[in-house]
Amino acid sequence: MKTILLCCAAGMSTSMLVQRMQSEAEKRELELVIKALPAMELEACIHDADVILLGPQIRYELACFTALAEPLGKPISLIDMLDYGALRGDKVLDHALNLLE
């Protein structure tokens, strides 16, 4: 089972997006764990992730978090601002799955 971590400033703004992504994963019969967490907890949880997606509001952390993720072989990327704002769980799930390939 793969784990997708969504990381934002406080971990709360991504919770609705996580719900949409989980709903989409269930429709597709995918067994995934999708979690939201605040940026300050990423370093402690990074080993649990198979892919990490950052909310657009913390894009400034991408270089720092990439330095943590790459040595562990963990793909990391920003969530598209439009998909994030519109809570397009299907699009964000597709992005995460593409990173896992």
PDB file of N, CA and C in Angstrom:
ATOM      1  N   MET A   1       0.845  -1.175   0.000  1.00  0.00           N
ATOM      2  CA  MET A   1       0.000   0.000   0.000  1.00  0.00           C
ATOM      3  C   MET A   1       0.890   1.238   0.000  1.00  0.00           C
ATOM      4  N   LYS A   2       0.575   2.166  -0.891  1.00  0.00           N
ATOM      5  CA  LYS A   2       1.359   3.387  -1.033  1.00  0.00           C
ATOM      6  C   LYS A   2       0.763   4.497  -0.155  1.00  0.00           C
ATOM      7  N   THR A   3       1.643   5.380   0.309  1.00  0.00           N
ATOM      8  CA  THR A   3       1.225   6.509   1.143  1.00  0.00           C
ATOM      9  C   THR A   3       1.561   7.812   0.441  1.00  0.00           C
ATOM     10  N   ILE A   4       0.547   8.662   0.333  1.00  0.00           N
ATOM     11  CA  ILE A   4       0.698   9.997  -0.245  1.00  0.00           C
ATOM     12  C   ILE A   4       0.569  10.998   0.891  1.00  0.00           C
ATOM     13  N   LEU A   5       1.567  11.852   1.057  1.00  0.00           N
ATOM     14  CA  LEU A   5       1.511  12.900   2.070  1.00  0.00           C
ATOM     15  C   LEU A   5       1.290  14.238   1.394  1.00  0.00           C
ATOM     16  N   LEU A   6       0.282  14.964   1.864  1.00  0.00           N
ATOM     17  CA  LEU A   6       0.038  16.333   1.422  1.00  0.00           C
ATOM     18  C   LEU A   6       0.474  17.240   2.554  1.00  0.00           C
ATOM     19  N   CYS A   7       1.308  18.160   2.232  1.00  0.00           N
ATOM     20  CA  CYS A   7       1.911  19.022   3.238  1.00  0.00           C
ATOM     21  C   CYS A   7       1.533  20.471   2.966  1.00  0.00           C
ATOM     22  N   CYS A   8       1.056  21.164   3.991  1.00  0.00           N
ATOM     23  CA  CYS A   8       0.733  22.588   3.846  1.00  0.00           C
ATOM     24  C   CYS A   8       1.206  23.323   5.090  1.00  0.00           C
ATOM     25  N   ALA A   9       0.852  24.576   5.195  1.00  0.00           N
ATOM     26  CA  ALA A   9       1.351  25.402   6.293  1.00  0.00           C
ATOM     27  C   ALA A   9       0.965  24.827   7.653  1.00  0.00           C
ATOM     28  N   ALA A  10      -0.308  24.485   7.835  1.00  0.00           N
ATOM     29  CA  ALA A  10      -0.749  23.987   9.135  1.00  0.00           C
ATOM     30  C   ALA A  10      -1.322  22.576   9.070  1.00  0.00           C
ATOM     31  N   GLY A  11      -1.503  22.022   7.886  1.00  0.00           N
ATOM     32  CA  GLY A  11      -2.055  20.685   7.753  1.00  0.00           C
ATOM     33  C   GLY A  11      -3.569  20.651   7.710  1.00  0.00           C
ATOM     34  N   MET A  12      -4.203  21.805   7.834  1.00  0.00           N
ATOM     35  CA  MET A  12      -5.660  21.835   7.857  1.00  0.00           C
ATOM     36  C   MET A  12      -6.261  22.141   6.495  1.00  0.00           C
ATOM     37  N   SER A  13      -5.634  23.004   5.726  1.00  0.00           N
ATOM     38  CA  SER A  13      -6.223  23.397   4.449  1.00  0.00           C
ATOM     39  C   SER A  13      -6.228  22.261   3.443  1.00  0.00           C
ATOM     40  N   THR A  14      -5.422  21.247   3.663  1.00  0.00           N
ATOM     41  CA  THR A  14      -5.395  20.112   2.736  1.00  0.00           C
ATOM     42  C   THR A  14      -6.375  19.011   3.130  1.00  0.00           C
ATOM     43  N   SER A  15      -7.005  19.103   4.290  1.00  0.00           N
ATOM     44  CA  SER A  15      -7.858  18.008   4.753  1.00  0.00           C
ATOM     45  C   SER A  15      -9.043  17.759   3.819  1.00  0.00           C
ATOM     46  N   MET A  16      -9.643  18.804   3.279  1.00  0.00           N
ATOM     47  CA  MET A  16     -10.750  18.609   2.338  1.00  0.00           C
ATOM     48  C   MET A  16     -10.249  17.990   1.038  1.00  0.00           C
ATOM     49  N   LEU A  17      -9.076  18.400   0.602  1.00  0.00           N
ATOM     50  CA  LEU A  17      -8.486  17.820  -0.606  1.00  0.00           C
ATOM     51  C   LEU A  17      -8.176  16.341  -0.387  1.00  0.00           C
ATOM     52  N   VAL A  18      -7.691  15.993   0.784  1.00  0.00           N
ATOM     53  CA  VAL A  18      -7.424  14.593   1.117  1.00  0.00           C
ATOM     54  C   VAL A  18      -8.712  13.782   1.009  1.00  0.00           C
ATOM     55  N   GLN A  19      -9.808  14.304   1.522  1.00  0.00           N
ATOM     56  CA  GLN A  19     -11.095  13.600   1.447  1.00  0.00           C
ATOM     57  C   GLN A  19     -11.508  13.364  -0.006  1.00  0.00           C
ATOM     58  N   ARG A  20     -11.330  14.369  -0.840  1.00  0.00           N
ATOM     59  CA  ARG A  20     -11.670  14.225  -2.261  1.00  0.00           C
ATOM     60  C   ARG A  20     -10.772  13.193  -2.942  1.00  0.00           C
ATOM     61  N   MET A  21      -9.494  13.220  -2.590  1.00  0.00           N
ATOM     62  CA  MET A  21      -8.560  12.254  -3.167  1.00  0.00           C
ATOM     63  C   MET A  21      -8.899  10.832  -2.723  1.00  0.00           C
ATOM     64  N   GLN A  22      -9.239  10.668  -1.439  1.00  0.00           N
ATOM     65  CA  GLN A  22      -9.597   9.341  -0.938  1.00  0.00           C
ATOM     66  C   GLN A  22     -10.854   8.828  -1.622  1.00  0.00           C
ATOM     67  N   SER A  23     -11.816   9.709  -1.822  1.00  0.00           N
ATOM     68  CA  SER A  23     -13.047   9.328  -2.510  1.00  0.00           C
ATOM     69  C   SER A  23     -12.742   8.860  -3.932  1.00  0.00           C
ATOM     70  N   GLU A  24     -11.871   9.584  -4.618  1.00  0.00           N
ATOM     71  CA  GLU A  24     -11.480   9.222  -5.980  1.00  0.00           C
ATOM     72  C   GLU A  24     -10.711   7.901  -5.992  1.00  0.00           C
ATOM     73  N   ALA A  25      -9.833   7.701  -5.022  1.00  0.00           N
ATOM     74  CA  ALA A  25      -9.071   6.449  -4.936  1.00  0.00           C
ATOM     75  C   ALA A  25     -10.012   5.263  -4.713  1.00  0.00           C
ATOM     76  N   GLU A  26     -11.038   5.455  -3.898  1.00  0.00           N
ATOM     77  CA  GLU A  26     -12.016   4.393  -3.663  1.00  0.00           C
ATOM     78  C   GLU A  26     -12.783   4.068  -4.946  1.00  0.00           C
ATOM     79  N   LYS A  27     -13.157   5.101  -5.696  1.00  0.00           N
ATOM     80  CA  LYS A  27     -13.853   4.879  -6.970  1.00  0.00           C
ATOM     81  C   LYS A  27     -13.005   4.042  -7.921  1.00  0.00           C
ATOM     82  N   ARG A  28     -11.710   4.285  -7.886  1.00  0.00           N
ATOM     83  CA  ARG A  28     -10.783   3.571  -8.775  1.00  0.00           C
ATOM     84  C   ARG A  28     -10.304   2.251  -8.180  1.00  0.00           C
ATOM     85  N   GLU A  29     -10.775   1.952  -6.975  1.00  0.00           N
ATOM     86  CA  GLU A  29     -10.388   0.732  -6.263  1.00  0.00           C
ATOM     87  C   GLU A  29      -8.881   0.658  -6.036  1.00  0.00           C
ATOM     88  N   LEU A  30      -8.309   1.799  -5.652  1.00  0.00           N
ATOM     89  CA  LEU A  30      -6.884   1.883  -5.331  1.00  0.00           C
ATOM     90  C   LEU A  30      -6.716   1.821  -3.816  1.00  0.00           C
ATOM     91  N   GLU A  31      -5.753   1.049  -3.382  1.00  0.00           N
ATOM     92  CA  GLU A  31      -5.462   0.981  -1.955  1.00  0.00           C
ATOM     93  C   GLU A  31      -4.324   1.943  -1.647  1.00  0.00           C
ATOM     94  N   LEU A  32      -4.697   3.090  -1.114  1.00  0.00           N
ATOM     95  CA  LEU A  32      -3.742   4.154  -0.796  1.00  0.00           C
ATOM     96  C   LEU A  32      -4.024   4.705   0.588  1.00  0.00           C
ATOM     97  N   VAL A  33      -2.974   5.193   1.223  1.00  0.00           N
ATOM     98  CA  VAL A  33      -3.118   5.989   2.433  1.00  0.00           C
ATOM     99  C   VAL A  33      -2.795   7.416   2.020  1.00  0.00           C
ATOM    100  N   ILE A  34      -3.714   8.330   2.279  1.00  0.00           N
ATOM    101  CA  ILE A  34      -3.520   9.736   1.918  1.00  0.00           C
ATOM    102  C   ILE A  34      -3.679  10.549   3.188  1.00  0.00           C
ATOM    103  N   LYS A  35      -2.645  11.301   3.540  1.00  0.00           N
ATOM    104  CA  LYS A  35      -2.641  12.062   4.790  1.00  0.00           C
ATOM    105  C   LYS A  35      -2.254  13.510   4.537  1.00  0.00           C
ATOM    106  N   ALA A  36      -2.760  14.380   5.400  1.00  0.00           N
ATOM    107  CA  ALA A  36      -2.354  15.790   5.404  1.00  0.00           C
ATOM    108  C   ALA A  36      -1.556  16.053   6.677  1.00  0.00           C
ATOM    109  N   LEU A  37      -0.529  16.870   6.548  1.00  0.00           N
ATOM    110  CA  LEU A  37       0.245  17.232   7.717  1.00  0.00           C
ATOM    111  C   LEU A  37       0.848  18.610   7.541  1.00  0.00           C
ATOM    112  N   PRO A  38       1.136  19.265   8.659  1.00  0.00           N
ATOM    113  CA  PRO A  38       1.788  20.580   8.566  1.00  0.00           C
ATOM    114  C   PRO A  38       3.250  20.437   8.153  1.00  0.00           C
ATOM    115  N   ALA A  39       3.759  21.460   7.519  1.00  0.00           N
ATOM    116  CA  ALA A  39       5.134  21.457   7.012  1.00  0.00           C
ATOM    117  C   ALA A  39       6.150  21.130   8.107  1.00  0.00           C
ATOM    118  N   MET A  40       5.903  21.609   9.306  1.00  0.00           N
ATOM    119  CA  MET A  40       6.866  21.397  10.389  1.00  0.00           C
ATOM    120  C   MET A  40       6.983  19.920  10.800  1.00  0.00           C
ATOM    121  N   GLU A  41       6.034  19.061  10.375  1.00  0.00           N
ATOM    122  CA  GLU A  41       6.082  17.647  10.726  1.00  0.00           C
ATOM    123  C   GLU A  41       6.646  16.764   9.610  1.00  0.00           C
ATOM    124  N   LEU A  42       6.927  17.343   8.462  1.00  0.00           N
ATOM    125  CA  LEU A  42       7.353  16.532   7.326  1.00  0.00           C
ATOM    126  C   LEU A  42       8.626  15.751   7.606  1.00  0.00           C
ATOM    127  N   GLU A  43       9.611  16.381   8.183  1.00  0.00           N
ATOM    128  CA  GLU A  43      10.884  15.692   8.414  1.00  0.00           C
ATOM    129  C   GLU A  43      10.694  14.441   9.267  1.00  0.00           C
ATOM    130  N   ALA A  44       9.807  14.507  10.262  1.00  0.00           N
ATOM    131  CA  ALA A  44       9.561  13.356  11.137  1.00  0.00           C
ATOM    132  C   ALA A  44       8.770  12.254  10.440  1.00  0.00           C
ATOM    133  N   CYS A  45       7.959  12.607   9.442  1.00  0.00           N
ATOM    134  CA  CYS A  45       7.068  11.644   8.783  1.00  0.00           C
ATOM    135  C   CYS A  45       7.524  11.225   7.397  1.00  0.00           C
ATOM    136  N   ILE A  46       8.619  11.775   6.908  1.00  0.00           N
ATOM    137  CA  ILE A  46       9.013  11.571   5.520  1.00  0.00           C
ATOM    138  C   ILE A  46       9.276  10.095   5.190  1.00  0.00           C
ATOM    139  N   HIS A  47       9.717   9.326   6.167  1.00  0.00           N
ATOM    140  CA  HIS A  47      10.010   7.910   5.910  1.00  0.00           C
ATOM    141  C   HIS A  47       8.746   7.102   5.628  1.00  0.00           C
ATOM    142  N   ASP A  48       7.591   7.595   6.094  1.00  0.00           N
ATOM    143  CA  ASP A  48       6.320   6.900   5.878  1.00  0.00           C
ATOM    144  C   ASP A  48       5.748   7.156   4.487  1.00  0.00           C
ATOM    145  N   ALA A  49       6.258   8.155   3.790  1.00  0.00           N
ATOM    146  CA  ALA A  49       5.674   8.580   2.511  1.00  0.00           C
ATOM    147  C   ALA A  49       6.279   7.836   1.327  1.00  0.00           C
ATOM    148  N   ASP A  50       5.428   7.608   0.319  1.00  0.00           N
ATOM    149  CA  ASP A  50       5.919   7.133  -0.963  1.00  0.00           C
ATOM    150  C   ASP A  50       6.003   8.285  -1.952  1.00  0.00           C
ATOM    151  N   VAL A  51       5.173   9.303  -1.729  1.00  0.00           N
ATOM    152  CA  VAL A  51       5.205  10.525  -2.529  1.00  0.00           C
ATOM    153  C   VAL A  51       4.744  11.678  -1.636  1.00  0.00           C
ATOM    154  N   ILE A  52       5.321  12.856  -1.870  1.00  0.00           N
ATOM    155  CA  ILE A  52       5.015  14.036  -1.072  1.00  0.00           C
ATOM    156  C   ILE A  52       4.557  15.147  -2.005  1.00  0.00           C
ATOM    157  N   LEU A  53       3.421  15.735  -1.672  1.00  0.00           N
ATOM    158  CA  LEU A  53       2.896  16.867  -2.427  1.00  0.00           C
ATOM    159  C   LEU A  53       2.789  18.070  -1.499  1.00  0.00           C
ATOM    160  N   LEU A  54       3.293  19.191  -1.976  1.00  0.00           N
ATOM    161  CA  LEU A  54       3.263  20.425  -1.180  1.00  0.00           C
ATOM    162  C   LEU A  54       2.163  21.343  -1.679  1.00  0.00           C
ATOM    163  N   GLY A  55       1.442  21.930  -0.730  1.00  0.00           N
ATOM    164  CA  GLY A  55       0.445  22.935  -1.074  1.00  0.00           C
ATOM    165  C   GLY A  55       1.125  24.166  -1.642  1.00  0.00           C
ATOM    166  N   PRO A  56       0.443  24.881  -2.527  1.00  0.00           N
ATOM    167  CA  PRO A  56       1.061  26.039  -3.171  1.00  0.00           C
ATOM    168  C   PRO A  56       1.483  27.139  -2.197  1.00  0.00           C
ATOM    169  N   GLN A  57       0.850  27.208  -1.038  1.00  0.00           N
ATOM    170  CA  GLN A  57       1.197  28.258  -0.080  1.00  0.00           C
ATOM    171  C   GLN A  57       2.562  28.040   0.577  1.00  0.00           C
ATOM    172  N   ILE A  58       3.133  26.845   0.424  1.00  0.00           N
ATOM    173  CA  ILE A  58       4.480  26.609   0.976  1.00  0.00           C
ATOM    174  C   ILE A  58       5.476  26.259  -0.124  1.00  0.00           C
ATOM    175  N   ARG A  59       5.252  26.787  -1.325  1.00  0.00           N
ATOM    176  CA  ARG A  59       6.166  26.516  -2.434  1.00  0.00           C
ATOM    177  C   ARG A  59       7.593  26.946  -2.101  1.00  0.00           C
ATOM    178  N   TYR A  60       7.738  27.920  -1.209  1.00  0.00           N
ATOM    179  CA  TYR A  60       9.071  28.383  -0.804  1.00  0.00           C
ATOM    180  C   TYR A  60       9.867  27.292  -0.078  1.00  0.00           C
ATOM    181  N   GLU A  61       9.204  26.239   0.406  1.00  0.00           N
ATOM    182  CA  GLU A  61       9.867  25.142   1.110  1.00  0.00           C
ATOM    183  C   GLU A  61      10.334  24.029   0.163  1.00  0.00           C
ATOM    184  N   LEU A  62       9.984  24.126  -1.120  1.00  0.00           N
ATOM    185  CA  LEU A  62      10.266  23.034  -2.049  1.00  0.00           C
ATOM    186  C   LEU A  62      11.747  22.646  -2.079  1.00  0.00           C
ATOM    187  N   ALA A  63      12.641  23.594  -2.179  1.00  0.00           N
ATOM    188  CA  ALA A  63      14.075  23.277  -2.253  1.00  0.00           C
ATOM    189  C   ALA A  63      14.551  22.569  -0.987  1.00  0.00           C
ATOM    190  N   CYS A  64      14.134  23.054   0.151  1.00  0.00           N
ATOM    191  CA  CYS A  64      14.527  22.446   1.435  1.00  0.00           C
ATOM    192  C   CYS A  64      13.978  21.024   1.557  1.00  0.00           C
ATOM    193  N   PHE A  65      12.702  20.846   1.237  1.00  0.00           N
ATOM    194  CA  PHE A  65      12.087  19.530   1.357  1.00  0.00           C
ATOM    195  C   PHE A  65      12.595  18.563   0.291  1.00  0.00           C
ATOM    196  N   THR A  66      12.945  19.083  -0.874  1.00  0.00           N
ATOM    197  CA  THR A  66      13.531  18.238  -1.916  1.00  0.00           C
ATOM    198  C   THR A  66      14.868  17.684  -1.442  1.00  0.00           C
ATOM    199  N   ALA A  67      15.631  18.506  -0.729  1.00  0.00           N
ATOM    200  CA  ALA A  67      16.918  18.061  -0.194  1.00  0.00           C
ATOM    201  C   ALA A  67      16.738  16.930   0.822  1.00  0.00           C
ATOM    202  N   LEU A  68      15.610  16.915   1.513  1.00  0.00           N
ATOM    203  CA  LEU A  68      15.314  15.824   2.450  1.00  0.00           C
ATOM    204  C   LEU A  68      14.811  14.579   1.715  1.00  0.00           C
ATOM    205  N   ALA A  69      13.975  14.794   0.708  1.00  0.00           N
ATOM    206  CA  ALA A  69      13.289  13.689   0.045  1.00  0.00           C
ATOM    207  C   ALA A  69      14.161  12.935  -0.965  1.00  0.00           C
ATOM    208  N   GLU A  70      14.947  13.647  -1.746  1.00  0.00           N
ATOM    209  CA  GLU A  70      15.708  13.007  -2.823  1.00  0.00           C
ATOM    210  C   GLU A  70      16.672  11.925  -2.346  1.00  0.00           C
ATOM    211  N   PRO A  71      17.440  12.152  -1.270  1.00  0.00           N
ATOM    212  CA  PRO A  71      18.343  11.083  -0.829  1.00  0.00           C
ATOM    213  C   PRO A  71      17.610   9.808  -0.407  1.00  0.00           C
ATOM    214  N   LEU A  72      16.325   9.952  -0.059  1.00  0.00           N
ATOM    215  CA  LEU A  72      15.514   8.807   0.352  1.00  0.00           C
ATOM    216  C   LEU A  72      14.748   8.199  -0.816  1.00  0.00           C
ATOM    217  N   GLY A  73      14.916   8.784  -2.002  1.00  0.00           N
ATOM    218  CA  GLY A  73      14.209   8.290  -3.180  1.00  0.00           C
ATOM    219  C   GLY A  73      12.721   8.588  -3.165  1.00  0.00           C
ATOM    220  N   LYS A  74      12.337   9.642  -2.472  1.00  0.00           N
ATOM    221  CA  LYS A  74      10.924  10.019  -2.353  1.00  0.00           C
ATOM    222  C   LYS A  74      10.617  11.134  -3.348  1.00  0.00           C
ATOM    223  N   PRO A  75       9.703  10.893  -4.294  1.00  0.00           N
ATOM    224  CA  PRO A  75       9.319  11.981  -5.204  1.00  0.00           C
ATOM    225  C   PRO A  75       8.551  13.060  -4.453  1.00  0.00           C
ATOM    226  N   ILE A  76       8.809  14.296  -4.831  1.00  0.00           N
ATOM    227  CA  ILE A  76       8.173  15.439  -4.184  1.00  0.00           C
ATOM    228  C   ILE A  76       7.830  16.465  -5.256  1.00  0.00           C
ATOM    229  N   SER A  77       6.693  17.122  -5.102  1.00  0.00           N
ATOM    230  CA  SER A  77       6.255  18.098  -6.097  1.00  0.00           C
ATOM    231  C   SER A  77       5.251  19.053  -5.467  1.00  0.00           C
ATOM    232  N   LEU A  78       5.030  20.153  -6.157  1.00  0.00           N
ATOM    233  CA  LEU A  78       3.988  21.096  -5.755  1.00  0.00           C
ATOM    234  C   LEU A  78       2.642  20.659  -6.321  1.00  0.00           C
ATOM    235  N   ILE A  79       1.589  20.938  -5.587  1.00  0.00           N
ATOM    236  CA  ILE A  79       0.237  20.741  -6.086  1.00  0.00           C
ATOM    237  C   ILE A  79      -0.106  21.961  -6.935  1.00  0.00           C
ATOM    238  N   ASP A  80      -0.657  21.725  -8.104  1.00  0.00           N
ATOM    239  CA  ASP A  80      -1.078  22.820  -8.971  1.00  0.00           C
ATOM    240  C   ASP A  80      -2.044  23.738  -8.217  1.00  0.00           C
ATOM    241  N   MET A  81      -1.798  25.041  -8.321  1.00  0.00           N
ATOM    242  CA  MET A  81      -2.590  26.017  -7.573  1.00  0.00           C
ATOM    243  C   MET A  81      -4.084  25.948  -7.926  1.00  0.00           C
ATOM    244  N   LEU A  82      -4.405  25.782  -9.206  1.00  0.00           N
ATOM    245  CA  LEU A  82      -5.809  25.710  -9.615  1.00  0.00           C
ATOM    246  C   LEU A  82      -6.467  24.433  -9.108  1.00  0.00           C
ATOM    247  N   ASP A  83      -5.761  23.312  -9.182  1.00  0.00           N
ATOM    248  CA  ASP A  83      -6.307  22.053  -8.672  1.00  0.00           C
ATOM    249  C   ASP A  83      -6.492  22.117  -7.162  1.00  0.00           C
ATOM    250  N   TYR A  84      -5.556  22.752  -6.493  1.00  0.00           N
ATOM    251  CA  TYR A  84      -5.629  22.899  -5.036  1.00  0.00           C
ATOM    252  C   TYR A  84      -6.826  23.765  -4.653  1.00  0.00           C
ATOM    253  N   GLY A  85      -6.946  24.909  -5.290  1.00  0.00           N
ATOM    254  CA  GLY A  85      -8.020  25.847  -4.961  1.00  0.00           C
ATOM    255  C   GLY A  85      -9.400  25.306  -5.281  1.00  0.00           C
ATOM    256  N   ALA A  86      -9.507  24.521  -6.346  1.00  0.00           N
ATOM    257  CA  ALA A  86     -10.800  23.954  -6.755  1.00  0.00           C
ATOM    258  C   ALA A  86     -11.052  22.585  -6.119  1.00  0.00           C
ATOM    259  N   LEU A  87     -10.135  22.130  -5.275  1.00  0.00           N
ATOM    260  CA  LEU A  87     -10.243  20.833  -4.612  1.00  0.00           C
ATOM    261  C   LEU A  87     -10.472  19.697  -5.609  1.00  0.00           C
ATOM    262  N   ARG A  88      -9.697  19.712  -6.666  1.00  0.00           N
ATOM    263  CA  ARG A  88      -9.796  18.668  -7.699  1.00  0.00           C
ATOM    264  C   ARG A  88      -9.014  17.432  -7.248  1.00  0.00           C
ATOM    265  N   GLY A  89      -9.647  16.650  -6.422  1.00  0.00           N
ATOM    266  CA  GLY A  89      -9.003  15.459  -5.886  1.00  0.00           C
ATOM    267  C   GLY A  89      -8.560  14.493  -6.957  1.00  0.00           C
ATOM    268  N   ASP A  90      -9.336  14.388  -8.036  1.00  0.00           N
ATOM    269  CA  ASP A  90      -8.974  13.482  -9.123  1.00  0.00           C
ATOM    270  C   ASP A  90      -7.680  13.905  -9.799  1.00  0.00           C
ATOM    271  N   LYS A  91      -7.534  15.204 -10.041  1.00  0.00           N
ATOM    272  CA  LYS A  91      -6.326  15.716 -10.715  1.00  0.00           C
ATOM    273  C   LYS A  91      -5.095  15.586  -9.825  1.00  0.00           C
ATOM    274  N   VAL A  92      -5.265  15.899  -8.534  1.00  0.00           N
ATOM    275  CA  VAL A  92      -4.135  15.809  -7.609  1.00  0.00           C
ATOM    276  C   VAL A  92      -3.737  14.347  -7.409  1.00  0.00           C
ATOM    277  N   LEU A  93      -4.717  13.453  -7.368  1.00  0.00           N
ATOM    278  CA  LEU A  93      -4.420  12.029  -7.269  1.00  0.00           C
ATOM    279  C   LEU A  93      -3.656  11.561  -8.507  1.00  0.00           C
ATOM    280  N   ASP A  94      -4.095  11.989  -9.682  1.00  0.00           N
ATOM    281  CA  ASP A  94      -3.374  11.637 -10.910  1.00  0.00           C
ATOM    282  C   ASP A  94      -1.924  12.104 -10.848  1.00  0.00           C
ATOM    283  N   HIS A  95      -1.731  13.325 -10.354  1.00  0.00           N
ATOM    284  CA  HIS A  95      -0.363  13.876 -10.243  1.00  0.00           C
ATOM    285  C   HIS A  95       0.492  13.003  -9.323  1.00  0.00           C
ATOM    286  N   ALA A  96      -0.063  12.625  -8.179  1.00  0.00           N
ATOM    287  CA  ALA A  96       0.679  11.782  -7.239  1.00  0.00           C
ATOM    288  C   ALA A  96       1.001  10.432  -7.858  1.00  0.00           C
ATOM    289  N   LEU A  97       0.029   9.837  -8.529  1.00  0.00           N
ATOM    290  CA  LEU A  97       0.255   8.522  -9.144  1.00  0.00           C
ATOM    291  C   LEU A  97       1.299   8.594 -10.257  1.00  0.00           C
ATOM    292  N   ASN A  98       1.306   9.677 -11.003  1.00  0.00           N
ATOM    293  CA  ASN A  98       2.336   9.857 -12.038  1.00  0.00           C
ATOM    294  C   ASN A  98       3.728   9.946 -11.434  1.00  0.00           C
ATOM    295  N   LEU A  99       3.837  10.578 -10.278  1.00  0.00           N
ATOM    296  CA  LEU A  99       5.135  10.672  -9.599  1.00  0.00           C
ATOM    297  C   LEU A  99       5.621   9.310  -9.100  1.00  0.00           C
ATOM    298  N   LEU A 100       4.689   8.426  -8.820  1.00  0.00           N
ATOM    299  CA  LEU A 100       5.038   7.088  -8.318  1.00  0.00           C
ATOM    300  C   LEU A 100       5.523   6.148  -9.426  1.00  0.00           C
ATOM    301  N   GLU A 101       5.247   6.478 -10.674  1.00  0.00           N
ATOM    302  CA  GLU A 101       5.637   5.594 -11.781  1.00  0.00           C
ATOM    303  C   GLU A 101       7.127   5.593 -12.023  1.00  0.00           C
TER     304      GLU A 101
END
